[in-house]
Structure formats: structure tokens, C-alpha cells
Amino acid sequence: MKKCIPMVLAVLFLAISCKESDKSEEGTKQMKEVMAIHDEVMPKMGHLGKLVGQLKPMADSLGMESPQGKAMRDLQEANRAMMDWMRGFGNTFDAEEIMKGKALTPEKKALLDEEEDKVKVVREKINTSIANAEALLAKE
């Protein structure tokens, strides 16, 4: 019986270690998913700026309450939302956590859940504002 105790402890230790590793991998996987959303929409920021430039003269002549003015404001808000999200994300997580999969504390895991929700909203704002602006410009 005494010979079994070290074996049982070793198996228990191994099980606990694997469980912690799984939690760490979940955090790393979620961080990759959040960064994938960022990487999906970040290249669209230049296009967003071009659309603002195309809509501005129209909004200036037709008024800011025109569809063109609203579309321009939506694009600008999407841009601001992305910049604000990136600033907040960078202030919350360090480079090791973002780029190298450093294990997250339980508090940081909860914050990552919030950041994932926020970046999904940003993605929706960017995609919607671009689609609306392109549709308006296609009519011109």
C-alpha cells in the first residue's frame, strides 16, 4: 500500500499539471482568436480612410445630416473605435501575453473575454460602415 502512495501522488500531480496546461492553452487560443479579428479588420483601415475622403466633399455640400454625412461619421466612428480598442488592449496586455502566449491570470482571462466582445463590435462597425459607404458611392 505504501508503494502505491507515490504512484497515486504522481498521477494526481500529472492530472493537475495537464489541467493547468489546458487552461493556459485556452487563454492562448482565445488571444489568437482576438488577434485574428484585429488582423482581419486592420488592413481595412486604409480603405476606410479613402471612403471618408470620397464622402467628405459630398457631406460638405449636402450637409452633415445627409446620407453621405452620416456615412462619413459612421466611418470616422469605426476608425475611432478601432484606435480606442487597440489603445485599451495594449494597456491591458503586455507583448509577452499578446505575441508569445504568456499565461494569463484569472483576472486577465476575464479581461480577455471583455476585449473579445469589444473587438467583435469594432469589426461589425468597420464592416457595416464600409459596406454602407460603398453602397452610397456606387449610387453616385
Protein backbone atom coordinates (compact mmCIF):
# COMPACT_ATOMS: atom_id res chain seq x y z
CA MET A 1 0.00 0.00 0.00
CA LYS A 2 2.81 2.41 0.87
CA LYS A 3 4.33 1.78 -2.57
CA CYS A 4 1.08 2.94 -4.20
CA ILE A 5 1.06 6.34 -2.47
CA PRO A 6 3.94 7.83 -4.53
CA MET A 7 2.37 6.47 -7.69
CA VAL A 8 -1.03 7.95 -6.82
CA LEU A 9 0.60 11.30 -5.99
CA ALA A 10 2.50 11.27 -9.28
CA VAL A 11 -0.68 10.57 -11.25
CA LEU A 12 -2.55 13.28 -9.32
CA PHE A 13 0.25 15.77 -9.93
CA LEU A 14 0.27 14.92 -13.63
CA ALA A 15 -3.51 15.35 -13.86
CA ILE A 16 -3.36 18.75 -12.16
CA SER A 17 -0.49 19.86 -14.39
CA CYS A 18 -2.40 18.87 -17.51
CA LYS A 19 -5.48 20.72 -16.31
CA GLU A 20 -3.45 23.91 -15.76
CA SER A 21 -1.84 23.46 -19.16
CA ASP A 22 -5.28 23.14 -20.76
CA LYS A 23 -6.39 26.40 -19.12
CA SER A 24 -3.25 28.13 -20.35
CA GLU A 25 -3.83 26.78 -23.86
CA GLU A 26 -7.43 28.07 -23.75
CA GLY A 27 -6.14 31.56 -22.93
CA THR A 28 -3.56 31.34 -25.71
CA LYS A 29 -6.19 30.12 -28.18
CA GLN A 30 -8.55 32.93 -27.22
CA MET A 31 -5.76 35.51 -27.52
CA LYS A 32 -5.03 34.20 -31.02
CA GLU A 33 -8.73 34.49 -31.91
CA VAL A 34 -8.86 38.08 -30.65
CA MET A 35 -5.73 38.96 -32.59
CA ALA A 36 -7.13 37.24 -35.70
CA ILE A 37 -10.15 39.56 -35.57
CA HIS A 38 -7.81 42.53 -35.23
CA ASP A 39 -5.70 41.26 -38.13
CA GLU A 40 -8.83 40.79 -40.25
CA VAL A 41 -10.04 44.38 -39.92
CA MET A 42 -6.80 46.34 -39.52
CA PRO A 43 -5.99 46.21 -43.25
CA LYS A 44 -9.39 47.78 -43.94
CA MET A 45 -8.45 50.97 -42.09
CA GLY A 46 -6.76 52.48 -45.15
CA HIS A 47 -9.84 51.79 -47.27
CA LEU A 48 -11.98 53.32 -44.55
CA GLY A 49 -9.90 56.50 -44.73
CA LYS A 50 -10.23 56.64 -48.54
CA LEU A 51 -14.00 56.36 -48.24
CA VAL A 52 -14.07 59.24 -45.75
CA GLY A 53 -12.08 61.29 -48.28
CA GLN A 54 -14.58 60.46 -51.03
CA LEU A 55 -17.60 61.25 -48.88
CA LYS A 56 -16.32 64.47 -47.30
CA PRO A 57 -16.90 66.77 -50.30
CA MET A 58 -20.41 65.35 -50.69
CA ALA A 59 -21.15 65.72 -47.00
CA ASP A 60 -19.82 69.29 -47.07
CA SER A 61 -22.08 70.25 -49.97
CA LEU A 62 -25.16 68.24 -48.98
CA GLY A 63 -24.89 68.76 -45.22
CA MET A 64 -23.85 66.54 -42.34
CA GLU A 65 -27.40 65.23 -41.97
CA SER A 66 -27.37 63.83 -45.50
CA PRO A 67 -26.85 60.10 -46.02
CA GLN A 68 -23.30 60.92 -47.15
CA GLY A 69 -22.66 62.90 -43.96
CA LYS A 70 -24.00 60.09 -41.82
CA ALA A 71 -21.93 57.51 -43.70
CA MET A 72 -18.82 59.65 -43.22
CA ARG A 73 -19.49 59.98 -39.48
CA ASP A 74 -20.04 56.21 -39.21
CA LEU A 75 -16.69 55.58 -40.89
CA GLN A 76 -14.99 58.04 -38.57
CA GLU A 77 -16.62 56.42 -35.54
CA ALA A 78 -15.48 52.98 -36.71
CA ASN A 79 -11.94 54.31 -37.06
CA ARG A 80 -12.08 55.87 -33.58
CA ALA A 81 -13.48 52.63 -32.12
CA MET A 82 -10.57 50.65 -33.59
CA MET A 83 -7.97 53.11 -32.30
CA ASP A 84 -9.57 53.18 -28.84
CA TRP A 85 -9.76 49.38 -28.72
CA MET A 86 -6.12 48.97 -29.72
CA ARG A 87 -5.00 51.53 -27.13
CA GLY A 88 -7.02 49.86 -24.37
CA PHE A 89 -5.93 46.38 -25.38
CA GLY A 90 -2.28 47.42 -25.43
CA ASN A 91 -2.63 48.98 -21.99
CA THR A 92 -4.26 45.81 -20.60
CA PHE A 93 -2.00 43.12 -22.05
CA ASP A 94 1.77 43.12 -22.49
CA ALA A 95 3.67 41.94 -25.55
CA GLU A 96 4.50 38.60 -23.95
CA GLU A 97 0.81 37.89 -23.37
CA ILE A 98 -0.23 39.04 -26.83
CA MET A 99 2.54 37.67 -29.01
CA LYS A 100 4.19 34.86 -27.10
CA GLY A 101 1.35 33.12 -25.30
CA LYS A 102 2.38 34.07 -21.77
CA ALA A 103 -0.08 32.54 -19.30
CA LEU A 104 -2.86 34.86 -18.20
CA THR A 105 -4.00 35.37 -14.65
CA PRO A 106 -7.69 34.68 -13.94
CA GLU A 107 -8.25 38.46 -13.91
CA LYS A 108 -6.59 38.84 -17.30
CA LYS A 109 -8.65 35.93 -18.69
CA ALA A 110 -11.81 37.78 -17.64
CA LEU A 111 -10.49 40.94 -19.28
CA LEU A 112 -9.72 38.98 -22.45
CA ASP A 113 -13.36 37.86 -22.57
CA GLU A 114 -14.40 41.54 -22.46
CA GLU A 115 -11.83 42.51 -25.09
CA GLU A 116 -13.03 39.76 -27.40
CA ASP A 117 -16.57 41.12 -27.18
CA LYS A 118 -15.31 44.66 -27.81
CA VAL A 119 -13.22 43.75 -30.86
CA LYS A 120 -16.19 41.90 -32.36
CA VAL A 121 -18.26 45.10 -32.03
CA VAL A 122 -15.42 47.08 -33.64
CA ARG A 123 -15.27 44.57 -36.52
CA GLU A 124 -19.02 44.95 -37.05
CA LYS A 125 -18.76 48.78 -37.05
CA ILE A 126 -15.93 48.72 -39.56
CA ASN A 127 -17.56 46.23 -41.91
CA THR A 128 -21.00 47.87 -41.73
CA SER A 129 -19.73 51.41 -42.20
CA ILE A 130 -17.60 50.38 -45.19
CA ALA A 131 -20.48 48.48 -46.81
CA ASN A 132 -22.84 51.42 -46.32
CA ALA A 133 -20.35 53.94 -47.70
CA GLU A 134 -19.57 51.77 -50.73
CA ALA A 135 -23.28 51.35 -51.44
CA LEU A 136 -23.81 55.12 -51.30
CA LEU A 137 -20.83 55.84 -53.52
CA ALA A 138 -21.96 53.21 -56.03
CA LYS A 139 -25.19 55.21 -56.49
CA GLU A 140 -23.26 58.38 -57.37
